[in-house]
Amino acid sequence: MSDGVLLRASAAGETVRALAAVTTGVVEEARQRHGTFPTATAALGRTLTAGLLLGATMKDEERLSIELVGDGPLRRVMVTTDGDGRVRGYVTRPETHLPSRNGKLDVAGAIGEGLLSVMRTQPWNKEPYRSVMKLVSGEIAEDITHYLSTSEQMPSATALGVFVNADGTVGAAGGFLVQILNGAASDLAGLIEGNVAALPHVTALIRNGQGPREILEAVLRGLELRVIGDEPVRFGCSCTRERVLGAILLLGKDEIEDMIRTEGRAEVRCEFCAEQYVVDQGELEVLVQDTVGTA
């Protein structure tokens, strides 16, 4: 199973920007790495897909993070992307699972009431741009749509979905983002809203074999779709062993020597991808010498 694919397109004389992604493999890898239970899988998967869709609207070298913090049992969902088709993320309580509500995984109940934070880091700006607002539903797609319309003043239609098989694996995941740009005809919003309302759930389309192009053709029915291109997407983390060693070095000589005395090694787990790094005693002793050399 491939990680996933994202399609970029436009319509209505370039006044509509459209993106769709199938992210089944991305979400399944996240599930395997973090050991998420079904409701947690759905919450993380929807947010990972949202990160990829929003990331595809960024300029080069921008980075984006999406954080949902609520009073539900899941507590926190965190996702980051570099805008290059790579995304990573985690949930605070991966073993969260709630009874279904209206036949669907209860993501809103798992998150509860709380805040959505979207942060864009741009190398040409000293300070990152951050927008924080109350969650409108906790279903994530509605919250992203609300963020785009209020914070970025961009009328949008968003759908995100994760279908979890009976054995807990991910059967389908994906979503779409359609944005109406300046200069669009006044009746465009109503046309797109009608198309979206008539669609089955996005995961039903994916399970039926529909790809990103077919999804956008359905969302933009009645408009001429112009495909710009597609790109692979994947779950990918920026953590490395070198970064782990650098982080341990920053702890200082006394802290590292205490690790050597008490444990004889250091174990570091990346929060975003669950990769486990073991630094043995010899490596720690080299780091002690490095702290002496830089003192």
Protein backbone atom coordinates (compact mmCIF):
# COMPACT_ATOMS: atom_id res chain seq x y z
CA MET A 1 0.00 0.00 0.00
CA SER A 2 1.40 3.37 -1.05
CA ASP A 3 1.49 6.19 1.48
CA GLY A 4 -0.88 8.49 -0.40
CA VAL A 5 -1.32 11.06 -3.14
CA LEU A 6 -2.45 14.70 -3.25
CA LEU A 7 -3.90 16.40 -6.32
CA ARG A 8 -3.84 20.15 -7.01
CA ALA A 9 -6.39 21.66 -9.36
CA SER A 10 -8.32 24.81 -10.19
CA ALA A 11 -11.66 25.67 -11.73
CA ALA A 12 -13.86 28.55 -12.85
CA GLY A 13 -11.12 30.51 -14.54
CA GLU A 14 -8.63 30.08 -11.70
CA THR A 15 -11.07 31.53 -9.16
CA VAL A 16 -11.41 28.20 -7.36
CA ARG A 17 -8.48 26.40 -5.77
CA ALA A 18 -9.05 22.71 -5.19
CA LEU A 19 -7.04 20.04 -3.41
CA ALA A 20 -7.84 16.42 -2.66
CA ALA A 21 -5.81 13.67 -1.04
CA VAL A 22 -6.03 9.97 -0.38
CA THR A 23 -4.01 9.37 2.77
CA THR A 24 -4.85 5.80 3.76
CA GLY A 25 -1.22 4.69 3.93
CA VAL A 26 -0.16 7.83 5.81
CA VAL A 27 -2.76 7.32 8.52
CA GLU A 28 -2.11 3.59 8.78
CA GLU A 29 1.59 4.24 9.38
CA ALA A 30 0.70 6.75 12.09
CA ARG A 31 -1.61 4.18 13.68
CA GLN A 32 1.11 1.55 13.68
CA ARG A 33 3.75 3.89 15.08
CA HIS A 34 1.60 5.23 17.91
CA GLY A 35 -0.61 2.22 18.58
CA THR A 36 -3.77 4.31 18.36
CA PHE A 37 -7.21 2.91 19.14
CA PRO A 38 -9.98 3.58 16.55
CA THR A 39 -11.29 6.94 17.80
CA ALA A 40 -7.77 8.25 18.33
CA THR A 41 -6.82 6.94 14.86
CA ALA A 42 -9.70 8.88 13.30
CA ALA A 43 -8.81 12.11 15.12
CA LEU A 44 -5.12 11.88 14.26
CA GLY A 45 -5.83 10.79 10.67
CA ARG A 46 -8.22 13.65 9.99
CA THR A 47 -5.70 16.14 11.33
CA LEU A 48 -2.82 14.61 9.35
CA THR A 49 -4.89 14.94 6.18
CA ALA A 50 -5.80 18.53 7.08
CA GLY A 51 -2.12 19.28 7.55
CA LEU A 52 -1.28 17.94 4.09
CA LEU A 53 -4.11 19.89 2.43
CA LEU A 54 -3.26 23.17 4.17
CA GLY A 55 0.45 22.53 3.64
CA ALA A 56 -0.15 22.30 -0.09
CA THR A 57 -1.32 25.94 -0.07
CA MET A 58 1.92 27.23 1.46
CA LYS A 59 4.89 28.86 -0.20
CA ASP A 60 8.33 27.24 -0.31
CA GLU A 61 10.09 26.80 3.04
CA GLU A 62 7.00 27.52 5.09
CA ARG A 63 6.09 25.14 7.90
CA LEU A 64 2.68 24.61 9.42
CA SER A 65 1.39 23.11 12.64
CA ILE A 66 -2.16 22.27 13.68
CA GLU A 67 -2.94 21.71 17.35
CA LEU A 68 -6.26 20.78 18.91
CA VAL A 69 -6.48 20.86 22.70
CA GLY A 70 -9.70 19.90 24.42
CA ASP A 71 -11.21 18.68 27.68
CA GLY A 72 -12.13 15.28 26.22
CA PRO A 73 -10.20 12.06 26.91
CA LEU A 74 -7.92 12.50 23.88
CA ARG A 75 -6.58 15.78 25.32
CA ARG A 76 -4.36 16.87 22.43
CA VAL A 77 -3.74 16.31 18.73
CA MET A 78 -0.58 17.77 17.21
CA VAL A 79 0.42 17.70 13.53
CA THR A 80 3.20 19.46 11.63
CA THR A 81 4.10 19.57 7.95
CA ASP A 82 6.84 21.10 5.85
CA GLY A 83 4.56 21.62 2.87
CA ASP A 84 6.56 19.14 0.79
CA GLY A 85 4.16 16.24 1.09
CA ARG A 86 5.57 15.12 4.43
CA VAL A 87 3.52 15.17 7.63
CA ARG A 88 3.92 13.87 11.19
CA GLY A 89 1.81 13.96 14.31
CA TYR A 90 0.64 12.38 17.55
CA VAL A 91 -2.16 12.32 20.11
CA THR A 92 -1.59 12.61 23.85
CA ARG A 93 -3.69 9.55 24.69
CA PRO A 94 -3.45 7.07 21.79
CA GLU A 95 -5.56 4.42 23.57
CA THR A 96 -8.66 6.63 23.44
CA HIS A 97 -11.76 4.95 22.04
CA LEU A 98 -15.39 5.93 22.60
CA PRO A 99 -18.70 4.31 21.62
CA SER A 100 -19.84 5.30 18.14
CA ARG A 101 -22.27 8.19 17.77
CA ASN A 102 -24.78 8.17 14.93
CA GLY A 103 -22.87 5.33 13.34
CA LYS A 104 -19.59 7.25 13.28
CA LEU A 105 -16.48 7.31 15.43
CA ASP A 106 -17.01 9.98 18.07
CA VAL A 107 -14.04 12.24 17.35
CA ALA A 108 -15.83 15.31 18.70
CA GLY A 109 -16.48 13.54 22.00
CA ALA A 110 -12.86 12.42 22.23
CA ILE A 111 -11.60 15.98 21.76
CA GLY A 112 -14.30 17.79 23.70
CA GLU A 113 -14.49 21.56 24.03
CA GLY A 114 -11.28 23.45 23.54
CA LEU A 115 -9.08 25.37 21.14
CA LEU A 116 -7.71 25.06 17.63
CA SER A 117 -4.31 26.59 17.00
CA VAL A 118 -2.79 26.94 13.51
CA MET A 119 0.75 28.26 13.24
CA ARG A 120 2.61 29.13 10.06
CA THR A 121 6.38 29.59 10.29
CA GLN A 122 7.85 31.62 7.45
CA PRO A 123 11.61 32.14 7.02
CA TRP A 124 11.05 35.70 5.80
CA ASN A 125 9.21 36.67 9.00
CA LYS A 126 10.91 36.82 12.40
CA GLU A 127 7.80 35.73 14.27
CA PRO A 128 5.48 32.88 13.24
CA TYR A 129 1.86 33.69 12.40
CA ARG A 130 -0.43 31.98 14.88
CA SER A 131 -4.20 31.87 14.98
CA VAL A 132 -6.07 30.51 18.01
CA MET A 133 -9.83 30.05 18.20
CA LYS A 134 -12.46 28.00 19.95
CA LEU A 135 -13.41 24.68 18.43
CA VAL A 136 -16.79 24.90 16.75
CA SER A 137 -17.50 21.16 16.73
CA GLY A 138 -14.36 19.08 17.38
CA GLU A 139 -15.06 17.18 14.16
CA ILE A 140 -11.91 18.85 12.73
CA ALA A 141 -13.13 19.48 9.16
CA GLU A 142 -15.68 22.03 10.40
CA ASP A 143 -13.05 23.59 12.64
CA ILE A 144 -10.57 23.93 9.75
CA THR A 145 -13.29 25.46 7.56
CA HIS A 146 -14.12 27.94 10.32
CA TYR A 147 -10.43 28.82 10.70
CA LEU A 148 -10.05 29.47 6.96
CA SER A 149 -13.16 31.63 6.74
CA THR A 150 -12.48 33.72 9.85
CA SER A 151 -8.71 33.91 10.19
CA GLU A 152 -7.66 33.79 6.54
CA GLN A 153 -10.86 35.29 5.11
CA MET A 154 -11.09 32.43 2.62
CA PRO A 155 -14.53 30.86 1.96
CA SER A 156 -13.84 27.13 1.89
CA ALA A 157 -15.37 23.68 1.81
CA THR A 158 -13.49 20.96 3.68
CA ALA A 159 -14.09 17.26 4.18
CA LEU A 160 -11.88 14.88 6.15
CA GLY A 161 -12.44 11.23 6.88
CA VAL A 162 -10.92 8.04 8.28
CA PHE A 163 -12.58 4.64 8.01
CA VAL A 164 -11.28 2.14 10.55
CA ASN A 165 -11.69 -1.57 9.85
CA ALA A 166 -13.06 -3.98 12.46
CA ASP A 167 -9.49 -5.10 13.27
CA GLY A 168 -8.41 -1.51 13.97
CA THR A 169 -6.46 -0.99 10.76
CA VAL A 170 -7.15 1.95 8.46
CA GLY A 171 -9.39 1.02 5.54
CA ALA A 172 -9.62 4.46 3.94
CA ALA A 173 -8.53 8.01 4.71
CA GLY A 174 -8.50 11.27 2.82
CA GLY A 175 -10.20 14.56 2.23
CA PHE A 176 -10.57 17.64 0.09
CA LEU A 177 -10.24 21.39 0.40
CA VAL A 178 -11.92 23.79 -2.03
CA GLN A 179 -11.40 27.54 -1.71
CA ILE A 180 -13.18 30.37 -3.51
CA LEU A 181 -10.73 33.12 -4.45
CA ASN A 182 -11.24 36.81 -5.18
CA GLY A 183 -13.07 37.53 -8.39
CA ALA A 184 -15.22 34.41 -8.29
CA ALA A 185 -18.81 34.53 -9.54
CA SER A 186 -21.37 35.11 -6.82
CA ASP A 187 -23.19 31.82 -7.48
CA LEU A 188 -20.11 29.62 -7.15
CA ALA A 189 -20.45 29.08 -3.40
CA GLY A 190 -24.01 27.82 -3.73
CA LEU A 191 -23.09 25.48 -6.56
CA ILE A 192 -20.20 23.94 -4.64
CA GLU A 193 -22.21 23.68 -1.41
CA GLY A 194 -24.93 21.81 -3.30
CA ASN A 195 -22.41 19.40 -4.81
CA VAL A 196 -20.81 18.72 -1.44
CA ALA A 197 -24.17 18.16 0.25
CA ALA A 198 -25.07 15.54 -2.36
CA LEU A 199 -21.84 13.58 -1.96
CA PRO A 200 -21.42 10.41 0.09
CA HIS A 201 -18.84 10.58 2.88
CA VAL A 202 -15.34 11.05 1.50
CA THR A 203 -14.20 7.66 2.86
CA ALA A 204 -17.10 5.98 1.04
CA LEU A 205 -15.78 7.45 -2.21
CA ILE A 206 -12.26 6.24 -1.46
CA ARG A 207 -13.43 2.75 -0.50
CA ASN A 208 -15.32 2.66 -3.79
CA GLY A 209 -12.06 3.21 -5.64
CA GLN A 210 -12.34 6.95 -6.25
CA GLY A 211 -9.06 8.84 -6.36
CA PRO A 212 -8.38 12.54 -5.77
CA ARG A 213 -9.33 13.53 -9.31
CA GLU A 214 -12.68 11.74 -9.19
CA ILE A 215 -13.41 13.31 -5.79
CA LEU A 216 -12.75 16.82 -7.10
CA GLU A 217 -14.77 16.19 -10.25
CA ALA A 218 -17.72 15.35 -8.01
CA VAL A 219 -17.18 18.35 -5.72
CA LEU A 220 -16.84 20.72 -8.69
CA ARG A 221 -19.49 19.17 -10.91
CA GLY A 222 -20.72 21.79 -13.37
CA LEU A 223 -17.33 23.49 -13.49
CA GLU A 224 -14.38 22.75 -15.73
CA LEU A 225 -11.64 21.18 -13.64
CA ARG A 226 -8.04 21.99 -14.55
CA VAL A 227 -5.55 19.59 -13.00
CA ILE A 228 -2.29 21.27 -12.02
CA GLY A 229 -0.52 18.13 -10.85
CA ASP A 230 -0.27 15.47 -8.21
CA GLU A 231 2.39 14.49 -5.71
CA PRO A 232 3.06 11.66 -3.28
CA VAL A 233 2.42 12.29 0.42
CA ARG A 234 3.88 10.37 3.34
CA PHE A 235 4.28 10.20 7.09
CA GLY A 236 7.79 11.49 7.71
CA CYS A 237 9.67 12.86 10.70
CA SER A 238 12.66 15.18 10.93
CA CYS A 239 14.11 13.46 14.00
CA THR A 240 17.59 11.95 13.63
CA ARG A 241 20.14 10.34 15.91
CA GLU A 242 22.35 13.42 15.53
CA ARG A 243 19.56 15.65 16.81
CA VAL A 244 19.00 13.35 19.76
CA LEU A 245 22.69 13.51 20.67
CA GLY A 246 22.59 17.28 20.34
CA ALA A 247 19.60 17.48 22.68
CA ILE A 248 21.35 15.31 25.29
CA LEU A 249 24.47 17.46 25.00
CA LEU A 250 22.41 20.53 25.91
CA LEU A 251 21.52 18.89 29.25
CA GLY A 252 25.05 19.56 30.46
CA LYS A 253 27.86 17.56 32.05
CA ASP A 254 26.24 16.85 35.42
CA GLU A 255 22.98 15.54 33.94
CA ILE A 256 24.78 13.27 31.46
CA GLU A 257 27.07 11.87 34.15
CA ASP A 258 24.00 11.12 36.27
CA MET A 259 22.54 9.14 33.33
CA ILE A 260 25.76 7.11 33.16
CA ARG A 261 25.71 6.36 36.91
CA THR A 262 22.04 5.49 37.19
CA GLU A 263 21.13 3.86 33.88
CA GLY A 264 24.35 3.37 31.94
CA ARG A 265 22.56 4.66 28.84
CA ALA A 266 19.86 7.06 27.65
CA GLU A 267 16.60 6.18 25.91
CA VAL A 268 14.84 8.88 23.92
CA ARG A 269 11.49 8.46 22.16
CA CYS A 270 10.41 10.94 19.49
CA GLU A 271 6.98 12.25 20.39
CA PHE A 272 5.97 12.78 16.76
CA CYS A 273 6.92 9.45 15.19
CA ALA A 274 7.54 7.15 18.23
CA GLU A 275 11.04 6.28 16.98
CA GLN A 276 13.14 4.99 19.87
CA TYR A 277 16.79 6.01 20.19
CA VAL A 278 19.19 4.26 22.58
CA VAL A 279 22.42 6.08 23.43
CA ASP A 280 24.90 3.73 25.11
CA GLN A 281 27.40 4.52 27.85
CA GLY A 282 30.31 5.02 25.45
CA GLU A 283 28.39 7.62 23.49
CA LEU A 284 27.36 9.38 26.69
CA GLU A 285 30.98 9.50 27.84
CA VAL A 286 31.94 11.14 24.54
CA LEU A 287 29.19 13.70 25.11
CA VAL A 288 30.61 14.44 28.59
CA GLN A 289 33.97 15.17 26.98
CA ASP A 290 32.19 17.43 24.46
CA THR A 291 30.62 19.41 27.29
CA VAL A 292 34.06 19.86 28.85
CA GLY A 293 35.44 21.01 25.52
CA THR A 294 32.72 23.62 25.12
CA ALA A 295 32.72 24.84 28.72
